[in-house]
Protein backbone atom coordinates (compact mmCIF):
# COMPACT_ATOMS: atom_id res chain seq x y z
CA MET A 1 0.00 0.00 0.00
CA THR A 2 1.05 3.58 -0.61
CA PRO A 3 2.26 5.48 2.44
CA ALA A 4 -0.34 8.02 3.59
CA VAL A 5 0.47 11.35 1.92
CA GLU A 6 -0.73 14.16 4.17
CA PRO A 7 -0.40 17.80 3.04
CA ARG A 8 1.96 19.74 5.30
CA PRO A 9 2.25 23.52 5.72
CA VAL A 10 5.57 24.87 4.44
CA ALA A 11 5.73 27.19 7.44
CA ASP A 12 5.59 24.24 9.86
CA LEU A 13 8.60 22.39 8.43
CA SER A 14 11.37 22.00 10.99
CA PRO A 15 14.98 22.92 10.10
CA GLU A 16 15.74 19.19 9.73
CA GLU A 17 12.77 18.69 7.41
CA ARG A 18 13.79 21.66 5.27
CA ARG A 19 17.34 20.30 4.99
CA ALA A 20 15.95 17.00 3.74
CA PHE A 21 14.26 18.85 0.88
CA PHE A 22 17.10 21.22 0.05
CA GLU A 23 20.19 19.05 0.64
CA ARG A 24 19.22 15.93 -1.29
CA ASP A 25 21.93 13.28 -1.31
CA ALA A 26 22.73 11.20 -4.37
CA GLY A 27 24.54 8.61 -2.23
CA VAL A 28 27.71 9.14 -4.24
CA ALA A 29 30.00 9.77 -1.28
CA GLY A 30 29.19 6.39 0.26
CA VAL A 31 30.54 4.42 -2.72
CA ARG A 32 33.51 6.58 -3.73
CA GLY A 33 36.05 4.27 -2.10
CA ASP A 34 34.80 1.14 -3.88
CA VAL A 35 34.48 3.03 -7.13
CA ALA A 36 38.06 4.29 -6.91
CA ASP A 37 39.23 0.65 -6.71
CA ILE A 38 37.12 -0.30 -9.74
CA VAL A 39 38.45 2.61 -11.78
CA ASP A 40 42.04 1.79 -10.83
CA ARG A 41 41.68 -1.83 -11.87
CA VAL A 42 40.22 -0.87 -15.24
CA ARG A 43 43.17 1.48 -15.83
CA ARG A 44 45.66 -1.25 -14.98
CA GLU A 45 43.98 -4.38 -16.35
CA GLY A 46 41.83 -3.15 -19.24
CA ASP A 47 39.50 -5.68 -20.84
CA VAL A 48 40.31 -8.33 -18.23
CA ALA A 49 38.87 -6.09 -15.50
CA LEU A 50 35.83 -5.24 -17.62
CA ARG A 51 34.98 -8.91 -18.09
CA GLU A 52 35.52 -9.74 -14.43
CA PHE A 53 33.32 -6.85 -13.26
CA SER A 54 30.60 -7.82 -15.76
CA ARG A 55 30.65 -11.31 -14.29
CA GLU A 56 30.64 -10.02 -10.70
CA PHE A 57 28.15 -7.15 -10.93
CA ASP A 58 25.95 -8.07 -13.90
CA GLY A 59 26.14 -11.87 -13.79
CA VAL A 60 27.08 -11.93 -17.47
CA GLU A 61 29.96 -13.58 -19.32
CA VAL A 62 30.82 -10.99 -21.94
CA ALA A 63 32.22 -12.42 -25.15
CA ASN A 64 32.35 -9.29 -27.29
CA ILE A 65 32.81 -5.97 -25.53
CA ASP A 66 32.43 -4.15 -28.84
CA VAL A 67 28.81 -4.66 -29.96
CA THR A 68 28.70 -2.00 -32.68
CA ASP A 69 27.75 -4.58 -35.30
CA GLU A 70 24.92 -5.87 -33.11
CA ALA A 71 23.58 -2.32 -32.73
CA GLU A 72 23.58 -1.87 -36.51
CA ARG A 73 21.33 -4.94 -36.88
CA ALA A 74 19.11 -4.26 -33.85
CA ALA A 75 16.30 -2.51 -35.73
CA GLU A 76 15.50 -5.78 -37.47
CA SER A 77 14.26 -7.13 -34.12
CA VAL A 78 12.15 -4.09 -33.20
CA ASP A 79 8.52 -3.69 -34.22
CA ASP A 80 7.50 -0.94 -36.60
CA GLY A 81 5.53 1.00 -33.99
CA THR A 82 8.50 1.26 -31.63
CA MET A 83 10.84 2.24 -34.46
CA ALA A 84 8.38 4.96 -35.50
CA ALA A 85 8.36 6.29 -31.94
CA ILE A 86 12.17 6.32 -31.90
CA GLU A 87 12.22 8.24 -35.18
CA THR A 88 9.70 10.79 -33.87
CA ALA A 89 11.77 11.37 -30.74
CA LEU A 90 14.98 11.59 -32.75
CA SER A 91 13.48 14.13 -35.13
CA ASN A 92 12.14 16.38 -32.38
CA VAL A 93 15.28 16.18 -30.23
CA ARG A 94 17.50 16.83 -33.25
CA GLU A 95 15.41 19.81 -34.34
CA PHE A 96 15.54 21.41 -30.88
CA HIS A 97 19.29 20.94 -30.56
CA GLU A 98 20.04 22.20 -34.05
CA ALA A 99 18.53 25.51 -32.94
CA GLN A 100 21.24 25.71 -30.24
CA VAL A 101 24.26 25.61 -32.56
CA PRO A 102 26.12 28.93 -32.16
CA GLU A 103 27.70 30.81 -35.04
CA ASP A 104 31.26 32.11 -35.10
CA TRP A 105 31.35 35.90 -34.96
CA THR A 106 33.76 38.77 -35.44
CA ARG A 107 33.29 42.43 -34.58
CA GLU A 108 35.40 45.35 -35.77
CA PHE A 109 35.80 48.27 -33.38
CA ALA A 110 36.49 51.82 -34.52
CA ASP A 111 39.81 52.02 -32.68
CA GLY A 112 41.43 49.24 -34.74
CA ARG A 113 40.51 46.17 -32.70
CA GLU A 114 38.98 43.15 -34.41
CA LEU A 115 37.66 40.63 -31.89
CA GLY A 116 35.70 37.44 -32.29
CA ARG A 117 34.71 34.07 -31.00
CA ARG A 118 34.58 30.68 -32.68
CA PHE A 119 33.18 27.31 -31.69
CA ARG A 120 34.60 23.87 -32.42
CA PRO A 121 33.33 20.41 -31.35
CA LEU A 122 35.20 17.94 -29.21
CA ASP A 123 36.64 15.13 -31.34
CA ARG A 124 35.73 12.12 -29.15
CA VAL A 125 33.04 11.81 -26.47
CA GLY A 126 31.54 8.96 -24.50
CA VAL A 127 27.84 8.59 -23.70
CA TYR A 128 26.69 6.32 -20.90
CA VAL A 129 23.32 4.69 -21.60
CA PRO A 130 21.72 2.76 -18.72
CA GLY A 131 20.14 -0.52 -19.67
CA GLY A 132 21.44 -3.99 -20.31
CA ALA A 133 18.33 -6.15 -20.43
CA ALA A 134 16.14 -3.09 -19.73
CA ALA A 135 15.24 -0.63 -22.48
CA TYR A 136 16.28 3.03 -22.20
CA PRO A 137 16.23 4.27 -25.78
CA SER A 138 15.45 7.79 -24.60
CA SER A 139 18.76 8.07 -22.75
CA ALA A 140 20.59 7.05 -25.92
CA ILE A 141 18.78 9.72 -27.93
CA MET A 142 19.36 12.46 -25.35
CA GLY A 143 23.10 11.80 -25.08
CA ILE A 144 24.06 11.05 -28.67
CA VAL A 145 21.97 13.53 -30.66
CA PRO A 146 23.34 16.80 -29.18
CA ALA A 147 26.89 15.46 -29.59
CA LYS A 148 26.36 14.67 -33.27
CA VAL A 149 24.53 17.96 -33.85
CA ALA A 150 27.51 19.75 -32.30
CA GLY A 151 29.74 18.03 -34.84
CA VAL A 152 31.53 15.50 -32.63
CA ASP A 153 33.40 13.16 -34.95
CA HIS A 154 33.35 10.02 -32.79
CA VAL A 155 30.62 9.22 -30.25
CA ALA A 156 31.18 6.05 -28.22
CA VAL A 157 28.43 4.49 -26.10
CA ALA A 158 28.83 2.29 -23.03
CA THR A 159 25.75 0.35 -21.92
CA PRO A 160 25.52 -2.47 -19.35
CA PRO A 161 25.86 -6.07 -20.56
CA ALA A 162 23.11 -8.67 -20.52
CA GLU A 163 22.62 -12.22 -21.74
CA GLU A 164 20.61 -10.57 -24.50
CA LEU A 165 21.06 -6.82 -24.94
CA ASN A 166 17.79 -5.00 -25.41
CA PRO A 167 17.34 -4.40 -29.15
CA VAL A 168 15.24 -1.27 -28.60
CA THR A 169 18.11 0.49 -26.83
CA LEU A 170 20.63 -0.73 -29.40
CA ALA A 171 18.41 0.40 -32.26
CA ALA A 172 18.08 3.86 -30.74
CA VAL A 173 21.84 4.03 -30.19
CA HIS A 174 22.48 3.23 -33.84
CA GLU A 175 19.75 5.47 -35.26
CA ALA A 176 20.96 8.38 -33.12
CA GLY A 177 24.36 8.12 -34.79
CA ALA A 178 26.73 6.39 -32.36
CA ASP A 179 30.04 5.40 -33.92
CA ALA A 180 30.99 2.69 -31.42
CA VAL A 181 28.98 0.71 -28.87
CA TYR A 182 30.49 -1.17 -25.93
CA SER A 183 28.81 -3.71 -23.69
CA VAL A 184 30.10 -2.49 -20.35
CA GLY A 185 28.23 -0.74 -17.55
CA GLY A 186 28.55 0.78 -14.12
CA ALA A 187 31.68 2.43 -12.78
CA GLN A 188 33.79 0.19 -14.99
CA GLY A 189 32.01 1.52 -18.07
CA ILE A 190 32.84 5.10 -17.14
CA ALA A 191 36.47 4.13 -16.45
CA ALA A 192 36.73 2.37 -19.81
CA LEU A 193 35.48 5.45 -21.67
CA ALA A 194 37.78 7.73 -19.70
CA TYR A 195 41.03 5.77 -19.93
CA GLY A 196 40.50 3.23 -22.69
CA THR A 197 41.27 -0.49 -22.79
CA GLU A 198 42.42 -2.91 -25.47
CA THR A 199 38.94 -2.67 -27.00
CA VAL A 200 37.59 0.69 -25.86
CA ASN A 201 39.13 3.88 -27.23
CA PRO A 202 39.41 6.71 -24.69
CA VAL A 203 37.36 9.89 -25.09
CA ARG A 204 37.71 13.55 -24.11
CA LYS A 205 34.43 13.85 -22.22
CA VAL A 206 31.95 11.46 -20.60
CA VAL A 207 28.25 12.30 -20.27
CA GLY A 208 24.99 10.59 -19.44
CA PRO A 209 22.78 9.51 -16.53
CA GLY A 210 23.28 6.53 -14.25
CA ASN A 211 23.03 5.23 -10.70
CA LYS A 212 25.23 6.31 -7.79
CA TRP A 213 28.05 4.02 -8.97
CA VAL A 214 28.08 5.69 -12.36
CA SER A 215 27.90 9.14 -10.79
CA ALA A 216 30.72 8.32 -8.38
CA ALA A 217 32.85 7.06 -11.26
CA LYS A 218 32.28 10.28 -13.17
CA ALA A 219 33.39 12.20 -10.10
CA GLU A 220 36.45 9.93 -9.84
CA VAL A 221 37.64 10.43 -13.44
CA ARG A 222 36.90 14.14 -13.54
CA GLY A 223 40.16 15.95 -14.05
CA ASP A 224 41.58 13.27 -16.33
CA VAL A 225 38.59 13.71 -18.65
CA GLU A 226 35.75 16.19 -18.67
CA ILE A 227 32.26 15.16 -17.53
CA ASP A 228 28.86 16.80 -17.84
CA PHE A 229 27.92 16.74 -14.13
CA VAL A 230 27.36 14.35 -11.24
CA ALA A 231 23.67 13.51 -11.14
CA GLY A 232 21.52 11.78 -8.57
CA PRO A 233 18.03 10.24 -8.47
CA SER A 234 15.31 11.92 -10.51
CA GLU A 235 13.12 14.63 -9.03
CA VAL A 236 10.12 16.83 -9.81
CA LEU A 237 8.48 19.78 -8.14
CA VAL A 238 4.96 20.77 -9.21
CA LEU A 239 4.00 24.36 -8.48
CA ALA A 240 0.19 24.54 -8.44
CA ASP A 241 -2.47 27.14 -7.75
CA GLU A 242 -6.24 26.82 -7.33
CA THR A 243 -6.71 26.20 -11.08
CA ALA A 244 -4.55 23.07 -11.12
CA ASP A 245 -6.12 19.69 -11.83
CA PRO A 246 -5.23 17.54 -8.79
CA GLU A 247 -5.32 14.35 -10.87
CA PHE A 248 -2.73 15.75 -13.30
CA VAL A 249 -0.49 16.85 -10.44
CA ALA A 250 -0.75 13.44 -8.77
CA ALA A 251 -0.05 11.66 -12.07
CA ASP A 252 3.16 13.67 -12.55
CA LEU A 253 4.34 12.90 -9.02
CA LEU A 254 3.68 9.17 -9.44
CA ALA A 255 5.38 9.14 -12.85
CA GLN A 256 8.57 10.59 -11.42
CA ALA A 257 8.42 8.36 -8.34
CA GLU A 258 8.53 5.21 -10.48
CA HIS A 259 12.02 6.14 -11.71
CA ASP A 260 13.84 5.37 -8.49
CA SER A 261 13.07 4.56 -4.87
CA ASP A 262 15.33 7.51 -3.97
CA ALA A 263 13.44 9.93 -6.23
CA SER A 264 12.20 13.20 -4.77
CA VAL A 265 8.64 14.19 -5.75
CA VAL A 266 7.08 17.38 -4.39
CA ALA A 267 3.93 19.40 -4.98
CA VAL A 268 3.71 22.92 -3.58
CA THR A 269 0.43 24.83 -3.69
CA ASP A 270 -1.02 27.93 -2.08
CA ASP A 271 -4.48 26.34 -2.01
CA GLU A 272 -5.18 23.94 0.85
CA SER A 273 -8.07 22.24 -0.95
CA VAL A 274 -5.84 21.52 -3.95
CA GLY A 275 -3.19 20.02 -1.66
CA GLU A 276 -5.77 17.73 -0.07
CA ALA A 277 -7.15 16.72 -3.48
CA VAL A 278 -3.65 15.93 -4.79
CA ALA A 279 -2.99 13.68 -1.78
CA GLU A 280 -6.30 11.88 -2.34
CA SER A 281 -5.61 11.43 -6.03
CA ILE A 282 -2.17 9.95 -5.30
CA ASP A 283 -3.88 7.31 -3.18
CA GLU A 284 -6.48 6.63 -5.87
CA GLN A 285 -4.01 6.34 -8.77
CA PHE A 286 -1.34 4.40 -6.88
CA GLY A 287 -3.13 1.07 -7.12
CA SER A 288 -2.97 1.01 -10.91
CA ARG A 289 0.78 1.57 -11.13
CA GLU A 290 2.99 -1.46 -11.84
CA ARG A 291 6.12 -0.19 -10.06
CA SER A 292 4.21 0.24 -6.81
CA ASP A 293 7.06 -0.77 -4.49
CA THR A 294 9.44 1.77 -6.00
CA ILE A 295 6.75 4.46 -5.97
CA ALA A 296 5.81 3.79 -2.35
CA THR A 297 9.41 4.11 -1.21
CA ALA A 298 9.92 7.33 -3.18
CA LEU A 299 6.73 8.85 -1.77
CA GLY A 300 7.92 8.02 1.73
CA ASN A 301 11.25 9.80 1.29
CA ASP A 302 12.00 12.77 3.51
CA ALA A 303 12.48 14.84 0.34
CA SER A 304 9.00 14.02 -1.02
CA GLY A 305 5.59 15.36 -0.08
CA VAL A 306 2.62 17.62 -0.72
CA LEU A 307 3.17 21.05 0.79
CA VAL A 308 0.81 23.96 1.32
CA ALA A 309 2.24 27.48 1.27
CA ARG A 310 0.64 30.54 2.85
CA SER A 311 1.00 32.39 -0.45
CA MET A 312 2.30 31.83 -3.95
CA SER A 313 5.31 33.97 -3.02
CA GLU A 314 6.19 31.48 -0.27
CA ALA A 315 5.69 28.63 -2.75
CA VAL A 316 8.02 30.31 -5.24
CA LEU A 317 10.69 30.90 -2.58
CA PHE A 318 10.52 27.21 -1.63
CA THR A 319 10.81 26.23 -5.31
CA GLU A 320 13.81 28.49 -5.85
CA GLU A 321 15.65 27.02 -2.87
CA TYR A 322 14.74 23.47 -3.88
CA ALA A 323 16.19 24.05 -7.42
CA PRO A 324 14.31 21.20 -9.12
CA GLU A 325 15.53 19.04 -11.96
CA HIS A 326 12.00 19.15 -13.40
CA LEU A 327 9.62 22.01 -12.59
CA SER A 328 5.99 21.64 -13.59
CA ILE A 329 3.95 24.83 -13.24
CA GLN A 330 0.24 24.12 -13.29
CA ALA A 331 -1.17 27.53 -12.56
CA ASP A 332 -3.17 30.29 -14.19
CA ASP A 333 -0.21 32.62 -14.87
CA ASP A 334 2.50 30.03 -15.39
CA GLU A 335 4.91 32.26 -17.35
CA ALA A 336 4.84 34.97 -14.69
CA LEU A 337 5.66 32.34 -12.06
CA LEU A 338 8.49 30.92 -14.18
CA ASP A 339 9.98 34.42 -14.44
CA ARG A 340 10.35 34.35 -10.66
CA VAL A 341 12.27 31.05 -10.62
CA THR A 342 15.88 30.92 -11.83
CA ASN A 343 17.08 27.62 -10.35
CA VAL A 344 15.50 24.96 -12.58
CA GLY A 345 16.77 22.26 -14.92
CA SER A 346 13.76 22.08 -17.24
CA ALA A 347 10.35 23.76 -16.92
CA PHE A 348 7.00 22.34 -18.05
CA LEU A 349 4.21 24.88 -18.38
CA GLY A 350 0.50 24.22 -18.36
CA PRO A 351 -1.78 21.26 -17.64
CA PHE A 352 -1.04 19.46 -20.91
CA THR A 353 2.76 19.43 -20.60
CA PRO A 354 3.61 16.36 -18.51
CA VAL A 355 7.24 15.84 -17.58
CA ALA A 356 7.07 12.55 -19.48
CA ALA A 357 6.80 14.54 -22.72
CA GLY A 358 10.25 15.98 -22.12
CA ASP A 359 11.57 12.60 -21.04
CA TYR A 360 10.88 11.19 -24.48
CA ALA A 361 9.77 13.24 -27.43
CA SER A 362 9.00 16.95 -27.00
CA GLY A 363 12.56 17.72 -28.11
CA THR A 364 14.22 19.10 -24.97
CA ASN A 365 16.96 17.12 -23.25
CA HIS A 366 16.18 15.00 -20.19
CA VAL A 367 19.75 14.75 -18.89
CA LEU A 368 19.42 17.44 -16.23
CA PRO A 369 21.04 18.64 -12.98
CA THR A 370 19.71 17.10 -9.78
CA ASN A 371 20.36 17.57 -6.06
CA GLY A 372 20.25 21.35 -6.41
CA GLY A 373 22.68 21.38 -9.33
CA ALA A 374 20.35 23.75 -11.19
CA ARG A 375 21.66 26.51 -8.92
CA ALA A 376 24.94 26.39 -10.84
CA HIS A 377 24.47 24.80 -14.28
CA GLY A 378 22.01 23.58 -16.88
CA GLY A 379 21.39 20.23 -18.51
CA LEU A 380 22.93 18.48 -21.49
CA SER A 381 22.96 20.58 -24.67
CA VAL A 382 24.96 21.25 -27.79
CA ASP A 383 27.15 23.54 -25.67
CA THR A 384 28.24 20.49 -23.67
CA PHE A 385 30.17 19.23 -26.69
CA LEU A 386 31.69 22.48 -27.92
CA ARG A 387 34.86 24.41 -27.12
CA SER A 388 34.98 28.14 -27.65
CA SER A 389 38.05 30.18 -28.46
CA THR A 390 38.54 33.90 -28.91
CA VAL A 391 40.26 35.52 -31.90
CA GLN A 392 41.76 39.00 -32.13
CA ARG A 393 43.62 41.18 -34.57
CA LEU A 394 44.96 44.67 -33.79
CA SER A 395 45.94 47.26 -36.33
CA GLU A 396 48.95 49.46 -35.61
CA ASP A 397 46.60 52.20 -34.46
CA GLY A 398 44.59 49.68 -32.46
CA LEU A 399 47.66 48.63 -30.49
CA ALA A 400 48.68 52.25 -29.96
CA GLU A 401 45.22 53.00 -28.57
CA ILE A 402 45.55 50.49 -25.72
CA ALA A 403 49.36 50.42 -25.35
CA ASP A 404 49.46 52.69 -22.31
CA ALA A 405 46.81 50.62 -20.47
CA VAL A 406 48.68 47.38 -21.25
CA THR A 407 52.15 48.58 -20.26
CA THR A 408 50.92 50.33 -17.11
CA LEU A 409 49.11 47.23 -15.85
CA ALA A 410 51.98 44.94 -16.85
CA THR A 411 54.45 47.10 -14.95
CA ALA A 412 52.13 47.17 -11.92
CA GLU A 413 52.18 43.37 -11.95
CA GLY A 414 55.97 43.26 -12.24
CA LEU A 415 55.90 41.70 -15.71
CA GLU A 416 58.42 43.88 -17.51
CA GLY A 417 58.63 41.53 -20.48
CA HIS A 418 54.92 41.98 -21.18
CA ALA A 419 55.33 45.76 -21.29
CA ALA A 420 58.44 45.43 -23.46
CA SER A 421 56.57 43.30 -26.02
CA VAL A 422 54.26 46.27 -26.55
CA ASP A 423 56.90 49.02 -26.36
CA GLU A 424 59.03 47.25 -28.97
CA ARG A 425 56.19 47.55 -31.47
CA ILE A 426 55.25 51.11 -30.54
CA ASP A 427 58.88 52.27 -30.77
CA ARG A 428 59.27 50.59 -34.13
């Protein structure tokens, strides 16, 4: 049975209860030591370590680590309806990310300075796709498509092994444009992408969602390779006013709760009757959900609940401090409320924009910051796979115009050679 969900006033939350909402823990710290050992063994032993860890953690004897050929044939085993859904998602996600591609630019200033910026893709990236026997085609699409749109030459995918790899995931990996696919998961998969083995070629950056072992491995290899960010369990906050449909709000909370028993699902409303109706609807809808055990645990988390604020301003302040991965605003003036929230991974406006739409096929990316990460950075995008560099050209007059500022500051910093490199040109 679902745990009883009782609306609670935001104002009555104790300091400990508030910390539970605002300092969500991905559980990464608790496995860092074990993960460090796994990463070290992969660096030293290569494919041997990958096969041993697959046997130990996945219960699978891996014959071929490189399954690129199998991914190329996977669509033959997938029904037409599923392939059509994959193509729809790919098209929408590709279209959205193509709109993000920046253009190089140069600007000429009147004083003889010509300054600009250019963008170039990384050459090799790795995308982690959860799965194995389970199907997560959406994660493949969300990781691979922005990389290929950015112009990355070689995209490698690591996905957990299984006695029979899920053809839906493999088909999505291939259709999205992956160049290499490896049957290796967990922390060892991240280590393989970061450092390479006899079979796996190393990459410049590793991205993609995963459990706490994957997140801990990304934290471990960061510095030797770039990563997107360390992510934790999924989360949603629904901001609702008196116009919200309680059944829609409850459905979104239950949908996110089925992701992970550690998921955080929150509804905040300034209308007490709406809060009570959402709690009742959760109880009514819960019985028809297949992943009831996972949902029940997530609903019982200290970072989950239905909260009633004294005003929408208090609800907005709570939302801003929570910094949700997914923010659903089901309210009359949703855009005005969104303007008041800066800390959010992805926002979903209106009653007919479920978070699930963004998870699969609206076009936006579902690899997003969790655990308050939205306070500092956004989700996966084309920018994730680009490097920017600046370009400048000075005319003789342009250098003369700023020469005094350069030499004065260089001298103040004790860098006489810097000043001399300018004076030599001016004197000439």
